[in-house]
Amino acid sequence: MKIISLRFCLYFCLLVGNQFLPGHVLAVGNYQEPAEFIQKVFYGDAPKVSKIWIRKDLKVKIHEIMGHDLGVLRLKYWEKEGRTAWILEEIGKVRPITAGIVVYENKIESINVLTFRESRGWEVRYPFFTDQFNEATITEDNQLDRHIDGISGATLSVKAMTKMARLALLLNHEVEVSGK
């Protein structure tokens, strides 16, 4: 009888146990390492890292998009044959979300959540959400050229992803203008 009870308890814990775990245990995840992301973007032939310096005029534009300063003097990016890859972070509710964003021909080619640290909003990592950014560009006032649908319960994560998309497009434009 004890064996049946033990098996039942194990089965019960596996079947419904995750409902008793705190939400952040289920949501937090390191989905892709930055180096792996870069290798995938450039088909295993990653270029050397480049840097864009945050000049005064660029700092103002970044602040307009993000709502705060980045607190850095330069940002890293990777560029090859007109494709740039950016690894950016933004706070969702209280913790940073790390995203990898690829820009080609001034349009977002892809956006991926690399690391998610929040207790809610993890749905932003799935293609039903990220695919909305494909082919997005920015307008003259640094807004996306399209509406991004939100996710119930993930408003702050959606805003963070949208800000990072806008920032990647702005930075890509700055790299192109500077002729690097």
Protein backbone atom coordinates (compact mmCIF):
# COMPACT_ATOMS: atom_id res chain seq x y z
CA MET A 1 0.00 0.00 0.00
CA LYS A 2 2.86 2.39 0.78
CA ILE A 3 4.27 1.91 -2.72
CA ILE A 4 0.95 2.90 -4.29
CA SER A 5 0.72 5.94 -2.04
CA LEU A 6 4.25 7.00 -2.90
CA ARG A 7 3.62 6.56 -6.63
CA PHE A 8 0.39 8.52 -6.33
CA CYS A 9 2.16 11.34 -4.51
CA LEU A 10 4.92 11.51 -7.13
CA TYR A 11 2.39 11.48 -9.95
CA PHE A 12 0.32 14.18 -8.25
CA CYS A 13 3.37 16.38 -7.68
CA LEU A 14 4.47 16.06 -11.30
CA LEU A 15 0.99 16.63 -12.66
CA VAL A 16 -0.05 19.70 -10.68
CA GLY A 17 3.02 20.63 -8.68
CA ASN A 18 4.03 23.49 -10.95
CA GLN A 19 0.91 25.36 -9.93
CA PHE A 20 2.34 25.70 -6.45
CA LEU A 21 5.63 27.17 -7.60
CA PRO A 22 6.03 30.93 -7.55
CA GLY A 23 5.50 32.53 -10.96
CA HIS A 24 9.07 33.82 -11.18
CA VAL A 25 10.41 30.27 -10.97
CA LEU A 26 8.51 29.39 -14.13
CA ALA A 27 9.11 32.64 -16.01
CA VAL A 28 12.81 33.29 -15.42
CA GLY A 29 15.03 31.79 -18.04
CA ASN A 30 18.23 32.08 -19.99
CA TYR A 31 16.98 31.07 -23.41
CA GLN A 32 20.06 31.78 -25.51
CA GLU A 33 23.59 32.88 -24.72
CA PRO A 34 24.65 36.12 -26.43
CA ALA A 35 27.57 34.40 -28.19
CA GLU A 36 25.24 31.71 -29.51
CA PHE A 37 22.84 34.39 -30.75
CA ILE A 38 25.63 36.19 -32.64
CA GLN A 39 26.89 32.94 -34.19
CA LYS A 40 23.38 32.08 -35.36
CA VAL A 41 22.76 35.56 -36.84
CA PHE A 42 25.93 35.41 -38.92
CA TYR A 43 25.68 31.71 -39.78
CA GLY A 44 28.68 30.70 -37.68
CA ASP A 45 30.97 33.40 -39.11
CA ALA A 46 30.59 36.16 -36.54
CA PRO A 47 32.37 39.44 -37.27
CA LYS A 48 34.49 41.27 -34.75
CA VAL A 49 32.62 43.39 -32.26
CA SER A 50 32.21 47.06 -33.15
CA LYS A 51 31.35 49.97 -30.86
CA ILE A 52 29.16 53.01 -31.24
CA TRP A 53 30.01 55.94 -29.03
CA ILE A 54 27.09 57.65 -27.29
CA ARG A 55 27.60 61.28 -28.31
CA LYS A 56 25.60 64.08 -26.77
CA ASP A 57 23.02 64.29 -29.60
CA LEU A 58 22.58 60.50 -29.64
CA LYS A 59 22.22 60.47 -25.86
CA VAL A 60 19.22 62.82 -26.18
CA LYS A 61 17.54 60.54 -28.75
CA ILE A 62 18.19 57.47 -26.61
CA HIS A 63 16.66 59.19 -23.60
CA GLU A 64 13.57 60.04 -25.65
CA ILE A 65 13.12 56.38 -26.59
CA MET A 66 14.07 54.68 -23.35
CA GLY A 67 12.93 57.29 -20.85
CA HIS A 68 16.34 57.19 -19.16
CA ASP A 69 20.05 57.28 -19.94
CA LEU A 70 21.77 53.99 -20.65
CA GLY A 71 24.61 54.83 -18.28
CA VAL A 72 27.28 53.79 -20.78
CA LEU A 73 29.68 55.67 -23.06
CA ARG A 74 29.47 53.16 -25.90
CA LEU A 75 27.48 50.13 -27.02
CA LYS A 76 28.71 46.98 -28.72
CA TYR A 77 27.26 45.67 -31.93
CA TRP A 78 28.18 43.27 -34.70
CA GLU A 79 27.99 44.19 -38.39
CA LYS A 80 28.53 42.26 -41.57
CA GLU A 81 27.24 42.84 -45.10
CA GLY A 82 24.68 45.42 -43.99
CA ARG A 83 23.26 43.33 -41.14
CA THR A 84 23.72 44.57 -37.58
CA ALA A 85 23.09 42.64 -34.40
CA TRP A 86 22.48 44.32 -31.07
CA ILE A 87 22.27 42.87 -27.58
CA LEU A 88 20.31 45.29 -25.44
CA GLU A 89 18.74 45.32 -21.99
CA GLU A 90 15.77 47.12 -20.56
CA ILE A 91 13.91 46.86 -17.29
CA GLY A 92 10.52 45.19 -17.54
CA LYS A 93 8.90 45.78 -14.17
CA VAL A 94 11.91 45.55 -11.87
CA ARG A 95 14.48 43.36 -13.62
CA PRO A 96 16.28 43.56 -16.95
CA ILE A 97 15.19 41.69 -20.05
CA THR A 98 18.04 40.93 -22.45
CA ALA A 99 17.13 40.85 -26.14
CA GLY A 100 19.04 40.18 -29.33
CA ILE A 101 17.86 42.31 -32.25
CA VAL A 102 18.93 41.95 -35.87
CA VAL A 103 18.52 44.87 -38.28
CA TYR A 104 18.91 44.55 -42.04
CA GLU A 105 18.19 47.28 -44.58
CA ASN A 106 16.87 49.53 -41.77
CA LYS A 107 14.22 46.97 -40.81
CA ILE A 108 14.05 44.55 -37.94
CA GLU A 109 14.86 41.11 -39.24
CA SER A 110 14.35 39.39 -35.90
CA ILE A 111 14.06 40.05 -32.21
CA ASN A 112 14.70 37.39 -29.59
CA VAL A 113 14.53 37.31 -25.81
CA LEU A 114 17.88 35.98 -24.67
CA THR A 115 17.34 36.23 -20.91
CA PHE A 116 14.14 36.94 -19.03
CA ARG A 117 14.34 37.74 -15.30
CA GLU A 118 10.85 39.02 -14.47
CA SER A 119 8.13 37.10 -12.64
CA ARG A 120 5.53 37.90 -15.31
CA GLY A 121 5.44 38.71 -18.98
CA TRP A 122 7.59 35.84 -20.23
CA GLU A 123 5.22 35.40 -23.19
CA VAL A 124 7.17 38.13 -25.01
CA ARG A 125 9.71 35.50 -25.98
CA TYR A 126 7.35 33.58 -28.24
CA PRO A 127 7.03 34.09 -32.01
CA PHE A 128 3.35 35.11 -31.76
CA PHE A 129 4.67 38.27 -30.13
CA THR A 130 8.15 38.77 -31.59
CA ASP A 131 7.03 38.22 -35.20
CA GLN A 132 5.10 41.51 -34.98
CA PHE A 133 8.44 43.33 -35.14
CA ASN A 134 9.59 41.70 -38.39
CA GLU A 135 10.17 44.31 -41.10
CA ALA A 136 9.42 47.16 -38.65
CA THR A 137 11.18 50.47 -39.21
CA ILE A 138 11.25 53.76 -37.31
CA THR A 139 9.68 57.02 -38.33
CA GLU A 140 11.41 60.40 -38.26
CA ASP A 141 10.31 60.85 -34.64
CA ASN A 142 11.82 57.44 -33.70
CA GLN A 143 8.50 55.62 -33.31
CA LEU A 144 7.86 52.20 -34.80
CA ASP A 145 6.01 52.32 -38.09
CA ARG A 146 3.40 49.90 -36.75
CA HIS A 147 1.33 49.07 -33.72
CA ILE A 148 2.59 46.22 -31.54
CA ASP A 149 -0.20 44.26 -29.88
CA GLY A 150 0.17 43.89 -26.15
CA ILE A 151 -0.16 40.81 -24.00
CA SER A 152 -2.51 40.80 -21.03
CA GLY A 153 -0.42 40.73 -17.87
CA ALA A 154 2.79 41.53 -19.74
CA THR A 155 2.38 45.24 -20.39
CA LEU A 156 5.76 46.28 -18.99
CA SER A 157 7.60 43.48 -20.81
CA VAL A 158 5.91 44.49 -24.07
CA LYS A 159 6.96 48.11 -23.50
CA ALA A 160 10.54 47.05 -22.77
CA MET A 161 10.73 44.97 -25.96
CA THR A 162 9.25 47.81 -28.01
CA LYS A 163 11.75 50.29 -26.59
CA MET A 164 14.66 47.97 -27.38
CA ALA A 165 13.38 47.50 -30.96
CA ARG A 166 13.19 51.26 -31.45
CA LEU A 167 16.65 51.69 -29.93
CA ALA A 168 18.21 49.05 -32.21
CA LEU A 169 16.71 50.75 -35.26
CA LEU A 170 17.97 54.15 -34.10
CA LEU A 171 21.45 52.81 -33.41
CA ASN A 172 21.54 51.03 -36.77
CA HIS A 173 20.62 54.30 -38.46
CA GLU A 174 23.38 56.14 -36.57
CA VAL A 175 25.93 53.50 -37.65
CA GLU A 176 24.85 53.86 -41.29
CA VAL A 177 24.96 57.68 -41.16
CA SER A 178 28.41 57.70 -39.58
CA GLY A 179 29.66 55.41 -42.36
CA LYS A 180 31.06 52.71 -40.10
